[in-house]
Amino acid sequence: MDDKKIAVLIDAENVSGKYIKLILDEVSNYGSATYKRLYGDFQTPSVRAWMKNLRDYAITPVFQYNYTQGKNASDSALLIDAMDILYSGNVDGFCIVTSDSDFTKLVLRLRESGMTVIGMGENKTPAPFRKACDIFTVLELLLEGSMSENDAVARSQIEEAVVKIITENQNDDRVTGLGEV
């Protein structure tokens, strides 16, 4: 089976940078990320937080000023690049990472051209975008799935500690406010 070439285009203004490793790991299940681009106005704090990931993951930043309040100029840059990449004939599919529905029409257009489209976004991603993609992955679920055994042990230790505190309080006739009517 030959490796599919996938363009990964990330809307940094609508997805947190904490997911970048999970995004690229998930894309590797479908092929190789041949384009890795991040779109946003890097003057805004949420997009600036992505900066540390650019070098570590070899991502090309596409800086776009938001010329008008309330308008997202980086969306236009992502759309233009997606169409340029489509017409280059250099990829087999796209991964569009966003948590809004602005790219639903783009996804439909890419699929009309025979491209596989993987969508990724946070829980808040609207249904139209999710349904337009061939595959849609909720980033929070990837984050939960990446928790190590140490994290599971930590949770069980916390649960044990909470139960112990409640039990001790009840044994000392202190009101816990939990489970009482």
Protein backbone atom coordinates (compact mmCIF):
# COMPACT_ATOMS: atom_id res chain seq x y z
CA MET A 1 0.00 0.00 0.00
CA ASP A 2 1.52 3.32 -1.02
CA ASP A 3 1.58 6.23 1.38
CA LYS A 4 -1.10 8.87 0.77
CA LYS A 5 0.07 12.48 0.69
CA ILE A 6 -2.05 14.71 2.91
CA ALA A 7 -2.12 18.50 3.18
CA VAL A 8 -2.68 19.53 6.80
CA LEU A 9 -4.19 23.02 7.01
CA ILE A 10 -4.83 24.35 10.51
CA ASP A 11 -7.08 27.25 11.47
CA ALA A 12 -5.08 28.47 14.49
CA GLU A 13 -7.77 30.97 15.41
CA ASN A 14 -10.28 28.21 16.16
CA VAL A 15 -8.22 25.32 17.58
CA SER A 16 -5.84 25.17 20.54
CA GLY A 17 -2.15 24.43 19.96
CA LYS A 18 -2.19 21.79 22.69
CA TYR A 19 -3.50 19.30 20.12
CA ILE A 20 -0.70 19.56 17.53
CA LYS A 21 1.09 16.29 18.33
CA LEU A 22 -2.22 14.44 18.43
CA ILE A 23 -3.29 15.99 15.11
CA LEU A 24 -0.11 14.93 13.33
CA ASP A 25 -0.14 11.47 14.94
CA GLU A 26 -3.74 10.98 13.77
CA VAL A 27 -2.91 12.14 10.24
CA SER A 28 -0.08 9.58 10.13
CA ASN A 29 -2.76 6.87 10.38
CA TYR A 30 -3.96 7.95 6.93
CA GLY A 31 -0.72 8.95 5.20
CA SER A 32 2.13 11.48 5.27
CA ALA A 33 1.63 15.14 6.04
CA THR A 34 3.32 16.67 2.99
CA TYR A 35 2.03 20.18 3.63
CA LYS A 36 1.74 21.46 7.21
CA ARG A 37 0.45 25.01 7.38
CA LEU A 38 -0.92 27.07 10.24
CA TYR A 39 -3.12 30.09 9.51
CA GLY A 40 -3.79 33.03 11.79
CA ASP A 41 -3.02 36.50 12.97
CA PHE A 42 -0.01 35.85 15.19
CA GLN A 43 -0.59 39.14 16.99
CA THR A 44 -3.51 37.59 18.87
CA PRO A 45 -2.58 35.72 22.07
CA SER A 46 -4.38 32.45 21.21
CA VAL A 47 -2.60 32.20 17.86
CA ARG A 48 0.73 33.36 19.30
CA ALA A 49 0.56 30.35 21.65
CA TRP A 50 1.07 28.14 18.57
CA MET A 51 4.52 29.67 17.92
CA LYS A 52 6.40 27.13 20.04
CA ASN A 53 4.99 24.31 17.88
CA LEU A 54 6.08 25.66 14.53
CA ARG A 55 9.74 24.65 14.77
CA ASP A 56 9.19 21.45 16.74
CA TYR A 57 6.73 20.07 14.17
CA ALA A 58 8.10 21.73 11.00
CA ILE A 59 4.91 23.70 10.38
CA THR A 60 4.84 26.61 7.96
CA PRO A 61 3.15 29.65 9.50
CA VAL A 62 0.87 31.68 7.25
CA PHE A 63 0.56 35.04 8.96
CA GLN A 64 -2.53 36.96 8.00
CA TYR A 65 -3.57 40.31 9.44
CA ASN A 66 -7.23 40.62 10.28
CA TYR A 67 -7.74 43.86 8.41
CA THR A 68 -11.35 44.30 9.55
CA GLN A 69 -12.76 43.71 13.01
CA GLY A 70 -14.99 40.64 13.05
CA LYS A 71 -13.70 39.29 9.73
CA ASN A 72 -11.31 36.36 9.60
CA ALA A 73 -8.76 37.06 6.85
CA SER A 74 -6.82 33.89 7.66
CA ASP A 75 -9.84 31.84 6.50
CA SER A 76 -9.43 33.35 3.04
CA ALA A 77 -5.72 32.53 3.02
CA LEU A 78 -6.44 28.91 3.98
CA LEU A 79 -9.10 28.63 1.24
CA ILE A 80 -6.79 30.01 -1.44
CA ASP A 81 -3.94 27.70 -0.39
CA ALA A 82 -6.25 24.68 -0.34
CA MET A 83 -7.34 25.34 -3.92
CA ASP A 84 -3.73 25.95 -5.05
CA ILE A 85 -2.67 22.66 -3.43
CA LEU A 86 -5.65 20.86 -4.99
CA TYR A 87 -4.72 22.08 -8.49
CA SER A 88 -1.04 21.25 -7.97
CA GLY A 89 -1.96 17.56 -8.05
CA ASN A 90 0.60 16.85 -5.32
CA VAL A 91 -1.74 15.42 -2.66
CA ASP A 92 -4.22 12.60 -2.23
CA GLY A 93 -6.20 14.25 0.52
CA PHE A 94 -6.59 17.07 3.00
CA CYS A 95 -6.84 17.40 6.75
CA ILE A 96 -8.69 20.59 7.67
CA VAL A 97 -8.35 21.42 11.36
CA THR A 98 -10.91 23.94 12.63
CA SER A 99 -13.73 24.22 15.13
CA ASP A 100 -16.08 26.34 13.08
CA SER A 101 -18.21 25.71 10.01
CA ASP A 102 -16.57 28.32 7.75
CA PHE A 103 -14.80 25.61 5.73
CA THR A 104 -17.82 23.40 5.03
CA LYS A 105 -18.07 24.56 1.39
CA LEU A 106 -14.31 24.05 0.93
CA VAL A 107 -14.59 20.47 2.20
CA LEU A 108 -17.48 19.77 -0.17
CA ARG A 109 -15.50 21.22 -3.09
CA LEU A 110 -12.40 19.17 -2.28
CA ARG A 111 -14.48 16.00 -2.09
CA GLU A 112 -16.11 16.82 -5.45
CA SER A 113 -12.58 16.78 -6.87
CA GLY A 114 -12.01 13.27 -5.53
CA MET A 115 -10.04 14.24 -2.46
CA THR A 116 -10.37 12.46 0.86
CA VAL A 117 -11.00 15.05 3.55
CA ILE A 118 -10.22 14.41 7.20
CA GLY A 119 -11.71 17.00 9.52
CA MET A 120 -10.56 17.62 13.05
CA GLY A 121 -11.92 20.02 15.61
CA GLU A 122 -12.95 20.54 19.18
CA ASN A 123 -16.32 19.42 20.60
CA LYS A 124 -17.83 22.78 19.64
CA THR A 125 -17.40 22.09 15.90
CA PRO A 126 -20.80 22.47 14.17
CA ALA A 127 -22.48 19.43 12.61
CA PRO A 128 -22.42 20.72 8.98
CA PHE A 129 -18.61 20.74 8.92
CA ARG A 130 -18.39 17.35 10.64
CA LYS A 131 -20.82 15.77 8.18
CA ALA A 132 -19.12 17.28 5.12
CA CYS A 133 -15.84 15.47 5.91
CA ASP A 134 -15.11 11.85 4.99
CA ILE A 135 -13.76 11.39 8.51
CA PHE A 136 -14.15 13.73 11.47
CA THR A 137 -12.17 13.43 14.69
CA VAL A 138 -13.00 15.26 17.92
CA LEU A 139 -9.70 16.52 19.35
CA GLU A 140 -10.78 16.16 22.98
CA LEU A 141 -11.30 12.43 22.36
CA LEU A 142 -7.76 12.13 20.98
CA LEU A 143 -6.51 13.92 24.08
CA GLU A 144 -8.40 11.53 26.37
CA GLY A 145 -7.13 8.54 24.41
CA SER A 146 -3.54 9.72 24.78
CA MET A 147 -3.58 9.64 28.57
CA SER A 148 -0.93 7.32 29.95
CA GLU A 149 -1.26 4.62 32.59
CA ASN A 150 0.28 7.08 35.06
CA ASP A 151 -2.67 9.41 34.44
CA ALA A 152 -5.11 6.56 35.16
CA VAL A 153 -3.27 5.74 38.38
CA ALA A 154 -3.39 9.38 39.39
CA ARG A 155 -7.17 9.46 38.83
CA SER A 156 -7.68 6.33 40.94
CA GLN A 157 -5.50 7.78 43.67
CA ILE A 158 -7.59 10.95 43.63
CA GLU A 159 -10.80 8.92 43.84
CA GLU A 160 -9.42 6.94 46.78
CA ALA A 161 -8.40 10.15 48.54
CA VAL A 162 -11.86 11.69 48.05
CA VAL A 163 -13.57 8.56 49.38
CA LYS A 164 -11.20 8.54 52.36
CA ILE A 165 -11.94 12.19 53.16
CA ILE A 166 -15.70 11.65 52.95
CA THR A 167 -15.50 8.52 55.10
CA GLU A 168 -13.35 10.23 57.73
CA ASN A 169 -15.70 13.22 57.82
CA GLN A 170 -18.73 10.97 58.23
CA ASN A 171 -16.96 8.95 60.96
CA ASP A 172 -16.25 12.20 62.81
CA ASP A 173 -19.91 13.25 62.42
CA ARG A 174 -18.95 16.11 60.11
CA VAL A 175 -21.41 17.00 57.38
CA THR A 176 -19.99 16.44 53.91
CA GLY A 177 -23.05 17.52 51.95
CA LEU A 178 -22.58 14.55 49.65
CA GLY A 179 -25.21 11.86 49.32
CA GLU A 180 -27.36 13.22 52.12
CA VAL A 181 -31.02 14.07 51.75
